[in-house]
């Protein structure tokens, strides 16, 4: 079973960028690069996760012939006013009537 000392030792010795040159300065830089890489990777993953969770998603659906009550309820619920009601457009149909004698 792993204890905290073994885990801490493993994390301090972790090196993802091993090279053939094994002097102390190079080893220090490789371990430092590993830590920086893992920290930035975790920050990126958390940022993407938070964006996906907190981002507002647009859901599009159609309500055919809504009542005034339904329309007003949707307007109140939608604070950004992204509701598009196709029945709000006025269409005028003209019928030509020709009288002949």
PDB file of N, CA and C in Angstrom:
ATOM      1  N   UNK A   1       0.842  -1.180   0.000  1.00  0.00           N
ATOM      2  CA  UNK A   1       0.000   0.000   0.000  1.00  0.00           C
ATOM      3  C   UNK A   1       0.888   1.244   0.000  1.00  0.00           C
ATOM      4  N   UNK A   2       0.442   2.264  -0.739  1.00  0.00           N
ATOM      5  CA  UNK A   2       1.206   3.494  -0.831  1.00  0.00           C
ATOM      6  C   UNK A   2       0.933   4.366   0.384  1.00  0.00           C
ATOM      7  N   UNK A   3       1.991   4.931   0.899  1.00  0.00           N
ATOM      8  CA  UNK A   3       1.788   5.925   1.946  1.00  0.00           C
ATOM      9  C   UNK A   3       2.168   7.295   1.390  1.00  0.00           C
ATOM     10  N   UNK A   4       1.924   8.326   2.139  1.00  0.00           N
ATOM     11  CA  UNK A   4       2.128   9.686   1.641  1.00  0.00           C
ATOM     12  C   UNK A   4       3.591   9.991   1.337  1.00  0.00           C
ATOM     13  N   UNK A   5       4.513   9.406   2.093  1.00  0.00           N
ATOM     14  CA  UNK A   5       5.932   9.672   1.840  1.00  0.00           C
ATOM     15  C   UNK A   5       6.359   9.110   0.490  1.00  0.00           C
ATOM     16  N   UNK A   6       5.884   7.907   0.162  1.00  0.00           N
ATOM     17  CA  UNK A   6       6.237   7.319  -1.132  1.00  0.00           C
ATOM     18  C   UNK A   6       5.626   8.106  -2.287  1.00  0.00           C
ATOM     19  N   UNK A   7       4.400   8.550  -2.113  1.00  0.00           N
ATOM     20  CA  UNK A   7       3.751   9.349  -3.158  1.00  0.00           C
ATOM     21  C   UNK A   7       4.474  10.676  -3.341  1.00  0.00           C
ATOM     22  N   UNK A   8       4.827  11.331  -2.241  1.00  0.00           N
ATOM     23  CA  UNK A   8       5.540  12.608  -2.319  1.00  0.00           C
ATOM     24  C   UNK A   8       6.910  12.424  -2.965  1.00  0.00           C
ATOM     25  N   UNK A   9       7.610  11.354  -2.614  1.00  0.00           N
ATOM     26  CA  UNK A   9       8.927  11.094  -3.211  1.00  0.00           C
ATOM     27  C   UNK A   9       8.795  10.828  -4.705  1.00  0.00           C
ATOM     28  N   UNK A  10       7.788  10.054  -5.079  1.00  0.00           N
ATOM     29  CA  UNK A  10       7.573   9.760  -6.497  1.00  0.00           C
ATOM     30  C   UNK A  10       7.261  11.039  -7.281  1.00  0.00           C
ATOM     31  N   UNK A  11       6.448  11.913  -6.711  1.00  0.00           N
ATOM     32  CA  UNK A  11       6.106  13.159  -7.399  1.00  0.00           C
ATOM     33  C   UNK A  11       7.297  14.101  -7.518  1.00  0.00           C
ATOM     34  N   UNK A  12       8.167  14.128  -6.511  1.00  0.00           N
ATOM     35  CA  UNK A  12       9.338  15.005  -6.599  1.00  0.00           C
ATOM     36  C   UNK A  12      10.375  14.464  -7.570  1.00  0.00           C
ATOM     37  N   UNK A  13      10.382  13.154  -7.791  1.00  0.00           N
ATOM     38  CA  UNK A  13      11.348  12.558  -8.718  1.00  0.00           C
ATOM     39  C   UNK A  13      10.773  12.346 -10.116  1.00  0.00           C
ATOM     40  N   UNK A  14       9.523  12.704 -10.327  1.00  0.00           N
ATOM     41  CA  UNK A  14       8.878  12.494 -11.618  1.00  0.00           C
ATOM     42  C   UNK A  14       9.558  13.338 -12.685  1.00  0.00           C
ATOM     43  N   UNK A  15       9.867  12.699 -13.821  1.00  0.00           N
ATOM     44  CA  UNK A  15      10.565  13.379 -14.905  1.00  0.00           C
ATOM     45  C   UNK A  15      10.006  12.863 -16.225  1.00  0.00           C
ATOM     46  N   UNK A  16       9.248  13.692 -16.921  1.00  0.00           N
ATOM     47  CA  UNK A  16       8.688  13.307 -18.216  1.00  0.00           C
ATOM     48  C   UNK A  16       9.611  13.642 -19.379  1.00  0.00           C
ATOM     49  N   UNK A  17      10.668  14.396 -19.123  1.00  0.00           N
ATOM     50  CA  UNK A  17      11.553  14.879 -20.182  1.00  0.00           C
ATOM     51  C   UNK A  17      12.974  14.355 -19.990  1.00  0.00           C
ATOM     52  N   UNK A  18      13.131  13.058 -19.867  1.00  0.00           N
ATOM     53  CA  UNK A  18      14.457  12.468 -19.641  1.00  0.00           C
ATOM     54  C   UNK A  18      15.324  12.590 -20.885  1.00  0.00           C
ATOM     55  N   UNK A  19      16.594  12.888 -20.646  1.00  0.00           N
ATOM     56  CA  UNK A  19      17.582  12.924 -21.724  1.00  0.00           C
ATOM     57  C   UNK A  19      18.756  12.039 -21.337  1.00  0.00           C
ATOM     58  N   UNK A  20      19.659  11.850 -22.284  1.00  0.00           N
ATOM     59  CA  UNK A  20      20.842  11.034 -22.004  1.00  0.00           C
ATOM     60  C   UNK A  20      21.806  11.755 -21.071  1.00  0.00           C
ATOM     61  N   UNK A  21      21.827  13.067 -21.153  1.00  0.00           N
ATOM     62  CA  UNK A  21      22.687  13.861 -20.286  1.00  0.00           C
ATOM     63  C   UNK A  21      22.072  13.861 -18.884  1.00  0.00           C
ATOM     64  N   UNK A  22      22.805  13.364 -17.910  1.00  0.00           N
ATOM     65  CA  UNK A  22      22.212  13.199 -16.578  1.00  0.00           C
ATOM     66  C   UNK A  22      22.925  14.012 -15.502  1.00  0.00           C
ATOM     67  N   UNK A  23      23.431  15.185 -15.863  1.00  0.00           N
ATOM     68  CA  UNK A  23      24.038  15.984 -14.800  1.00  0.00           C
ATOM     69  C   UNK A  23      22.937  16.612 -13.940  1.00  0.00           C
ATOM     70  N   UNK A  24      23.324  17.124 -12.811  1.00  0.00           N
ATOM     71  CA  UNK A  24      22.357  17.585 -11.814  1.00  0.00           C
ATOM     72  C   UNK A  24      21.533  18.777 -12.294  1.00  0.00           C
ATOM     73  N   UNK A  25      22.148  19.688 -13.016  1.00  0.00           N
ATOM     74  CA  UNK A  25      21.445  20.871 -13.510  1.00  0.00           C
ATOM     75  C   UNK A  25      20.395  20.481 -14.554  1.00  0.00           C
ATOM     76  N   UNK A  26      20.747  19.577 -15.458  1.00  0.00           N
ATOM     77  CA  UNK A  26      19.799  19.123 -16.477  1.00  0.00           C
ATOM     78  C   UNK A  26      18.631  18.380 -15.835  1.00  0.00           C
ATOM     79  N   UNK A  27      18.922  17.529 -14.867  1.00  0.00           N
ATOM     80  CA  UNK A  27      17.880  16.785 -14.168  1.00  0.00           C
ATOM     81  C   UNK A  27      16.923  17.737 -13.442  1.00  0.00           C
ATOM     82  N   UNK A  28      17.473  18.773 -12.821  1.00  0.00           N
ATOM     83  CA  UNK A  28      16.643  19.771 -12.140  1.00  0.00           C
ATOM     84  C   UNK A  28      15.715  20.475 -13.142  1.00  0.00           C
ATOM     85  N   UNK A  29      16.268  20.873 -14.292  1.00  0.00           N
ATOM     86  CA  UNK A  29      15.455  21.557 -15.305  1.00  0.00           C
ATOM     87  C   UNK A  29      14.370  20.644 -15.880  1.00  0.00           C
ATOM     88  N   UNK A  30      14.699  19.362 -16.064  1.00  0.00           N
ATOM     89  CA  UNK A  30      13.707  18.413 -16.577  1.00  0.00           C
ATOM     90  C   UNK A  30      12.564  18.220 -15.582  1.00  0.00           C
ATOM     91  N   UNK A  31      12.896  18.088 -14.314  1.00  0.00           N
ATOM     92  CA  UNK A  31      11.856  17.930 -13.295  1.00  0.00           C
ATOM     93  C   UNK A  31      11.018  19.196 -13.162  1.00  0.00           C
ATOM     94  N   UNK A  32      11.666  20.338 -13.244  1.00  0.00           N
ATOM     95  CA  UNK A  32      10.941  21.607 -13.187  1.00  0.00           C
ATOM     96  C   UNK A  32      10.000  21.738 -14.389  1.00  0.00           C
ATOM     97  N   UNK A  33      10.475  21.348 -15.556  1.00  0.00           N
ATOM     98  CA  UNK A  33       9.625  21.376 -16.755  1.00  0.00           C
ATOM     99  C   UNK A  33       8.448  20.421 -16.613  1.00  0.00           C
ATOM    100  N   UNK A  34       8.690  19.257 -16.014  1.00  0.00           N
ATOM    101  CA  UNK A  34       7.614  18.291 -15.786  1.00  0.00           C
ATOM    102  C   UNK A  34       6.554  18.877 -14.871  1.00  0.00           C
ATOM    103  N   UNK A  35       6.974  19.492 -13.792  1.00  0.00           N
ATOM    104  CA  UNK A  35       6.013  20.086 -12.854  1.00  0.00           C
ATOM    105  C   UNK A  35       5.215  21.207 -13.516  1.00  0.00           C
ATOM    106  N   UNK A  36       5.903  22.060 -14.265  1.00  0.00           N
ATOM    107  CA  UNK A  36       5.226  23.155 -14.952  1.00  0.00           C
ATOM    108  C   UNK A  36       4.230  22.614 -15.977  1.00  0.00           C
ATOM    109  N   UNK A  37       4.644  21.591 -16.722  1.00  0.00           N
ATOM    110  CA  UNK A  37       3.758  20.981 -17.714  1.00  0.00           C
ATOM    111  C   UNK A  37       2.509  20.406 -17.051  1.00  0.00           C
ATOM    112  N   UNK A  38       2.677  19.674 -15.964  1.00  0.00           N
ATOM    113  CA  UNK A  38       1.529  19.059 -15.291  1.00  0.00           C
ATOM    114  C   UNK A  38       0.600  20.104 -14.678  1.00  0.00           C
ATOM    115  N   UNK A  39       1.177  21.174 -14.132  1.00  0.00           N
ATOM    116  CA  UNK A  39       0.351  22.250 -13.567  1.00  0.00           C
ATOM    117  C   UNK A  39      -0.460  22.928 -14.668  1.00  0.00           C
ATOM    118  N   UNK A  40       0.190  23.261 -15.797  1.00  0.00           N
ATOM    119  CA  UNK A  40      -0.525  23.916 -16.892  1.00  0.00           C
ATOM    120  C   UNK A  40      -1.562  22.988 -17.520  1.00  0.00           C
ATOM    121  N   UNK A  41      -1.250  21.695 -17.601  1.00  0.00           N
ATOM    122  CA  UNK A  41      -2.212  20.727 -18.122  1.00  0.00           C
ATOM    123  C   UNK A  41      -3.452  20.660 -17.232  1.00  0.00           C
ATOM    124  N   UNK A  42      -3.240  20.624 -15.929  1.00  0.00           N
ATOM    125  CA  UNK A  42      -4.376  20.590 -14.997  1.00  0.00           C
ATOM    126  C   UNK A  42      -5.198  21.869 -15.056  1.00  0.00           C
ATOM    127  N   UNK A  43      -4.535  23.009 -15.153  1.00  0.00           N
ATOM    128  CA  UNK A  43      -5.256  24.284 -15.269  1.00  0.00           C
ATOM    129  C   UNK A  43      -6.089  24.297 -16.547  1.00  0.00           C
ATOM    130  N   UNK A  44      -5.523  23.814 -17.643  1.00  0.00           N
ATOM    131  CA  UNK A  44      -6.266  23.756 -18.904  1.00  0.00           C
ATOM    132  C   UNK A  44      -7.471  22.843 -18.826  1.00  0.00           C
ATOM    133  N   UNK A  45      -7.302  21.678 -18.222  1.00  0.00           N
ATOM    134  CA  UNK A  45      -8.417  20.731 -18.095  1.00  0.00           C
ATOM    135  C   UNK A  45      -9.520  21.314 -17.216  1.00  0.00           C
ATOM    136  N   UNK A  46      -9.145  21.931 -16.106  1.00  0.00           N
ATOM    137  CA  UNK A  46     -10.144  22.533 -15.213  1.00  0.00           C
ATOM    138  C   UNK A  46     -10.855  23.692 -15.911  1.00  0.00           C
ATOM    139  N   UNK A  47     -10.117  24.494 -16.678  1.00  0.00           N
ATOM    140  CA  UNK A  47     -10.721  25.616 -17.394  1.00  0.00           C
ATOM    141  C   UNK A  47     -11.732  25.127 -18.421  1.00  0.00           C
ATOM    142  N   UNK A  48     -11.366  24.128 -19.195  1.00  0.00           N
ATOM    143  CA  UNK A  48     -12.290  23.585 -20.195  1.00  0.00           C
ATOM    144  C   UNK A  48     -13.511  22.974 -19.517  1.00  0.00           C
ATOM    145  N   UNK A  49     -13.299  22.259 -18.425  1.00  0.00           N
ATOM    146  CA  UNK A  49     -14.414  21.654 -17.698  1.00  0.00           C
ATOM    147  C   UNK A  49     -15.365  22.724 -17.166  1.00  0.00           C
ATOM    148  N   UNK A  50     -14.814  23.777 -16.554  1.00  0.00           N
ATOM    149  CA  UNK A  50     -15.665  24.840 -16.018  1.00  0.00           C
ATOM    150  C   UNK A  50     -16.412  25.569 -17.128  1.00  0.00           C
ATOM    151  N   UNK A  51     -15.754  25.781 -18.251  1.00  0.00           N
ATOM    152  CA  UNK A  51     -16.425  26.437 -19.376  1.00  0.00           C
ATOM    153  C   UNK A  51     -17.603  25.594 -19.862  1.00  0.00           C
ATOM    154  N   UNK A  52     -17.388  24.291 -19.967  1.00  0.00           N
ATOM    155  CA  UNK A  52     -18.459  23.414 -20.440  1.00  0.00           C
ATOM    156  C   UNK A  52     -19.620  23.358 -19.452  1.00  0.00           C
ATOM    157  N   UNK A  53     -19.310  23.405 -18.165  1.00  0.00           N
ATOM    158  CA  UNK A  53     -20.362  23.322 -17.155  1.00  0.00           C
ATOM    159  C   UNK A  53     -21.115  24.644 -17.038  1.00  0.00           C
ATOM    160  N   UNK A  54     -20.395  25.753 -17.084  1.00  0.00           N
ATOM    161  CA  UNK A  54     -21.013  27.049 -16.813  1.00  0.00           C
ATOM    162  C   UNK A  54     -21.513  27.780 -18.049  1.00  0.00           C
ATOM    163  N   UNK A  55     -21.122  27.340 -19.233  1.00  0.00           N
ATOM    164  CA  UNK A  55     -21.534  28.037 -20.452  1.00  0.00           C
ATOM    165  C   UNK A  55     -23.033  27.862 -20.672  1.00  0.00           C
ATOM    166  N   UNK A  56     -23.649  28.927 -21.101  1.00  0.00           N
ATOM    167  CA  UNK A  56     -25.083  28.889 -21.357  1.00  0.00           C
ATOM    168  C   UNK A  56     -25.313  28.183 -22.691  1.00  0.00           C
ATOM    169  N   UNK A  57     -26.203  27.237 -22.673  1.00  0.00           N
ATOM    170  CA  UNK A  57     -26.496  26.480 -23.884  1.00  0.00           C
ATOM    171  C   UNK A  57     -27.823  26.944 -24.462  1.00  0.00           C
ATOM    172  N   UNK A  58     -27.852  27.051 -25.774  1.00  0.00           N
ATOM    173  CA  UNK A  58     -29.076  27.483 -26.430  1.00  0.00           C
ATOM    174  C   UNK A  58     -29.895  26.251 -26.814  1.00  0.00           C
ATOM    175  N   UNK A  59     -31.121  26.252 -26.391  1.00  0.00           N
ATOM    176  CA  UNK A  59     -32.045  25.176 -26.730  1.00  0.00           C
ATOM    177  C   UNK A  59     -33.128  25.783 -27.609  1.00  0.00           C
ATOM    178  N   UNK A  60     -33.313  25.186 -28.773  1.00  0.00           N
ATOM    179  CA  UNK A  60     -34.278  25.733 -29.715  1.00  0.00           C
ATOM    180  C   UNK A  60     -35.463  24.781 -29.843  1.00  0.00           C
ATOM    181  N   UNK A  61     -36.644  25.311 -29.624  1.00  0.00           N
ATOM    182  CA  UNK A  61     -37.852  24.517 -29.802  1.00  0.00           C
ATOM    183  C   UNK A  61     -38.957  25.427 -30.312  1.00  0.00           C
ATOM    184  N   UNK A  62     -39.957  24.822 -30.903  1.00  0.00           N
ATOM    185  CA  UNK A  62     -41.049  25.575 -31.511  1.00  0.00           C
ATOM    186  C   UNK A  62     -42.351  25.252 -30.795  1.00  0.00           C
ATOM    187  N   UNK A  63     -43.070  26.303 -30.463  1.00  0.00           N
ATOM    188  CA  UNK A  63     -44.409  26.150 -29.898  1.00  0.00           C
ATOM    189  C   UNK A  63     -45.374  26.716 -30.934  1.00  0.00           C
ATOM    190  N   UNK A  64     -46.172  25.852 -31.492  1.00  0.00           N
ATOM    191  CA  UNK A  64     -47.128  26.297 -32.510  1.00  0.00           C
ATOM    192  C   UNK A  64     -48.342  26.938 -31.850  1.00  0.00           C
ATOM    193  N   UNK A  65     -48.697  28.085 -32.322  1.00  0.00           N
ATOM    194  CA  UNK A  65     -49.851  28.851 -31.860  1.00  0.00           C
ATOM    195  C   UNK A  65     -49.890  29.004 -30.341  1.00  0.00           C
ATOM    196  N   UNK A  66     -48.887  29.675 -29.766  1.00  0.00           N
ATOM    197  CA  UNK A  66     -48.902  29.852 -28.308  1.00  0.00           C
ATOM    198  C   UNK A  66     -49.968  30.866 -27.898  1.00  0.00           C
ATOM    199  N   UNK A  67     -50.469  30.686 -26.705  1.00  0.00           N
ATOM    200  CA  UNK A  67     -51.421  31.663 -26.175  1.00  0.00           C
ATOM    201  C   UNK A  67     -50.634  32.873 -25.671  1.00  0.00           C
ATOM    202  N   UNK A  68     -51.340  33.950 -25.420  1.00  0.00           N
ATOM    203  CA  UNK A  68     -50.688  35.149 -24.885  1.00  0.00           C
ATOM    204  C   UNK A  68     -50.034  34.835 -23.547  1.00  0.00           C
ATOM    205  N   UNK A  69     -50.688  34.038 -22.733  1.00  0.00           N
ATOM    206  CA  UNK A  69     -50.140  33.659 -21.432  1.00  0.00           C
ATOM    207  C   UNK A  69     -48.823  32.900 -21.598  1.00  0.00           C
ATOM    208  N   UNK A  70     -48.773  31.926 -22.515  1.00  0.00           N
ATOM    209  CA  UNK A  70     -47.540  31.165 -22.760  1.00  0.00           C
ATOM    210  C   UNK A  70     -46.423  32.074 -23.264  1.00  0.00           C
ATOM    211  N   UNK A  71     -46.755  32.974 -24.183  1.00  0.00           N
ATOM    212  CA  UNK A  71     -45.763  33.886 -24.741  1.00  0.00           C
ATOM    213  C   UNK A  71     -45.195  34.798 -23.660  1.00  0.00           C
ATOM    214  N   UNK A  72     -46.044  35.368 -22.826  1.00  0.00           N
ATOM    215  CA  UNK A  72     -45.569  36.252 -21.758  1.00  0.00           C
ATOM    216  C   UNK A  72     -44.748  35.488 -20.729  1.00  0.00           C
ATOM    217  N   UNK A  73     -45.128  34.252 -20.444  1.00  0.00           N
ATOM    218  CA  UNK A  73     -44.362  33.427 -19.512  1.00  0.00           C
ATOM    219  C   UNK A  73     -42.955  33.153 -20.064  1.00  0.00           C
ATOM    220  N   UNK A  74     -42.856  32.904 -21.355  1.00  0.00           N
ATOM    221  CA  UNK A  74     -41.546  32.680 -21.972  1.00  0.00           C
ATOM    222  C   UNK A  74     -40.708  33.955 -21.990  1.00  0.00           C
ATOM    223  N   UNK A  75     -41.339  35.086 -22.219  1.00  0.00           N
ATOM    224  CA  UNK A  75     -40.617  36.368 -22.206  1.00  0.00           C
ATOM    225  C   UNK A  75     -40.047  36.636 -20.820  1.00  0.00           C
ATOM    226  N   UNK A  76     -40.827  36.373 -19.778  1.00  0.00           N
ATOM    227  CA  UNK A  76     -40.352  36.590 -18.408  1.00  0.00           C
ATOM    228  C   UNK A  76     -39.219  35.623 -18.074  1.00  0.00           C
ATOM    229  N   UNK A  77     -39.335  34.367 -18.502  1.00  0.00           N
ATOM    230  CA  UNK A  77     -38.320  33.354 -18.186  1.00  0.00           C
ATOM    231  C   UNK A  77     -37.024  33.593 -18.940  1.00  0.00           C
ATOM    232  N   UNK A  78     -37.091  34.196 -20.118  1.00  0.00           N
ATOM    233  CA  UNK A  78     -35.899  34.417 -20.938  1.00  0.00           C
ATOM    234  C   UNK A  78     -35.416  35.839 -20.730  1.00  0.00           C
ATOM    235  N   UNK A  79     -34.389  35.988 -19.900  1.00  0.00           N
ATOM    236  CA  UNK A  79     -33.903  37.329 -19.568  1.00  0.00           C
ATOM    237  C   UNK A  79     -33.145  37.978 -20.716  1.00  0.00           C
ATOM    238  N   UNK A  80     -32.619  37.175 -21.655  1.00  0.00           N
ATOM    239  CA  UNK A  80     -31.839  37.731 -22.763  1.00  0.00           C
ATOM    240  C   UNK A  80     -32.698  38.101 -23.969  1.00  0.00           C
ATOM    241  N   UNK A  81     -33.969  37.829 -23.905  1.00  0.00           N
ATOM    242  CA  UNK A  81     -34.913  38.136 -24.985  1.00  0.00           C
ATOM    243  C   UNK A  81     -34.477  37.538 -26.317  1.00  0.00           C
ATOM    244  N   UNK A  82     -34.182  36.263 -26.301  1.00  0.00           N
ATOM    245  CA  UNK A  82     -33.810  35.581 -27.540  1.00  0.00           C
ATOM    246  C   UNK A  82     -34.990  34.830 -28.131  1.00  0.00           C
ATOM    247  N   UNK A  83     -36.175  35.156 -27.671  1.00  0.00           N
ATOM    248  CA  UNK A  83     -37.366  34.482 -28.179  1.00  0.00           C
ATOM    249  C   UNK A  83     -37.740  35.092 -29.522  1.00  0.00           C
ATOM    250  N   UNK A  84     -37.962  34.221 -30.474  1.00  0.00           N
ATOM    251  CA  UNK A  84     -38.370  34.650 -31.805  1.00  0.00           C
ATOM    252  C   UNK A  84     -39.731  34.037 -32.086  1.00  0.00           C
ATOM    253  N   UNK A  85     -40.706  34.877 -32.197  1.00  0.00           N
ATOM    254  CA  UNK A  85     -42.066  34.392 -32.409  1.00  0.00           C
ATOM    255  C   UNK A  85     -42.464  34.658 -33.853  1.00  0.00           C
ATOM    256  N   UNK A  86     -42.558  33.603 -34.673  1.00  0.00           N
ATOM    257  CA  UNK A  86     -42.914  33.829 -36.074  1.00  0.00           C
ATOM    258  C   UNK A  86     -44.337  34.355 -36.250  1.00  0.00           C
ATOM    259  N   UNK A  87     -45.180  34.157 -35.249  1.00  0.00           N
ATOM    260  CA  UNK A  87     -46.552  34.649 -35.372  1.00  0.00           C
ATOM    261  C   UNK A  87     -46.633  36.151 -35.109  1.00  0.00           C
ATOM    262  N   UNK A  88     -45.524  36.771 -34.715  1.00  0.00           N
ATOM    263  CA  UNK A  88     -45.553  38.208 -34.451  1.00  0.00           C
ATOM    264  C   UNK A  88     -45.365  39.028 -35.722  1.00  0.00           C
ATOM    265  N   UNK A  89     -45.037  38.367 -36.822  1.00  0.00           N
ATOM    266  CA  UNK A  89     -44.888  39.078 -38.086  1.00  0.00           C
ATOM    267  C   UNK A  89     -46.259  39.204 -38.750  1.00  0.00           C
ATOM    268  N   UNK A  90     -46.548  40.392 -39.207  1.00  0.00           N
ATOM    269  CA  UNK A  90     -47.861  40.649 -39.808  1.00  0.00           C
ATOM    270  C   UNK A  90     -47.797  40.314 -41.295  1.00  0.00           C
ATOM    271  N   UNK A  91     -48.752  39.540 -41.728  1.00  0.00           N
ATOM    272  CA  UNK A  91     -48.847  39.208 -43.146  1.00  0.00           C
ATOM    273  C   UNK A  91     -50.190  39.732 -43.649  1.00  0.00           C
ATOM    274  N   UNK A  92     -50.124  40.483 -44.694  1.00  0.00           N
ATOM    275  CA  UNK A  92     -51.350  40.998 -45.292  1.00  0.00           C
ATOM    276  C   UNK A  92     -51.561  40.299 -46.630  1.00  0.00           C
ATOM    277  N   UNK A  93     -52.684  39.695 -46.762  1.00  0.00           N
ATOM    278  CA  UNK A  93     -53.027  39.034 -48.018  1.00  0.00           C
ATOM    279  C   UNK A  93     -54.099  39.881 -48.697  1.00  0.00           C
ATOM    280  N   UNK A  94     -53.805  40.307 -49.904  1.00  0.00           N
ATOM    281  CA  UNK A  94     -54.750  41.127 -50.655  1.00  0.00           C
ATOM    282  C   UNK A  94     -55.440  40.254 -51.692  1.00  0.00           C
ATOM    283  N   UNK A  95     -56.732  40.387 -51.750  1.00  0.00           N
ATOM    284  CA  UNK A  95     -57.516  39.659 -52.745  1.00  0.00           C
ATOM    285  C   UNK A  95     -58.049  40.695 -53.732  1.00  0.00           C
ATOM    286  N   UNK A  96     -57.754  40.470 -54.958  1.00  0.00           N
ATOM    287  CA  UNK A  96     -58.243  41.392 -55.992  1.00  0.00           C
ATOM    288  C   UNK A  96     -59.625  40.933 -56.447  1.00  0.00           C
ATOM    289  N   UNK A  97     -60.553  41.831 -56.339  1.00  0.00           N
ATOM    290  CA  UNK A  97     -61.925  41.534 -56.754  1.00  0.00           C
ATOM    291  C   UNK A  97     -62.242  42.409 -57.957  1.00  0.00           C
ATOM    292  N   UNK A  98     -62.688  41.782 -59.005  1.00  0.00           N
ATOM    293  CA  UNK A  98     -63.013  42.535 -60.216  1.00  0.00           C
ATOM    294  C   UNK A  98     -64.503  42.368 -60.497  1.00  0.00           C
ATOM    295  N   UNK A  99     -65.167  43.489 -60.534  1.00  0.00           N
ATOM    296  CA  UNK A  99     -66.611  43.459 -60.800  1.00  0.00           C
ATOM    297  C   UNK A  99     -66.848  43.687 -62.295  1.00  0.00           C
ATOM    298  N   UNK A 100     -67.617  42.844 -62.892  1.00  0.00           N
ATOM    299  CA  UNK A 100     -67.958  43.017 -64.307  1.00  0.00           C
ATOM    300  C   UNK A 100     -69.475  43.063 -64.463  1.00  0.00           C
ATOM    301  N   UNK A 101     -69.952  43.813 -65.460  1.00  0.00           N
ATOM    302  CA  UNK A 101     -71.397  43.927 -65.724  1.00  0.00           C
ATOM    303  C   UNK A 101     -71.778  43.132 -66.921  1.00  0.00           C
TER     304      UNK A 101
END
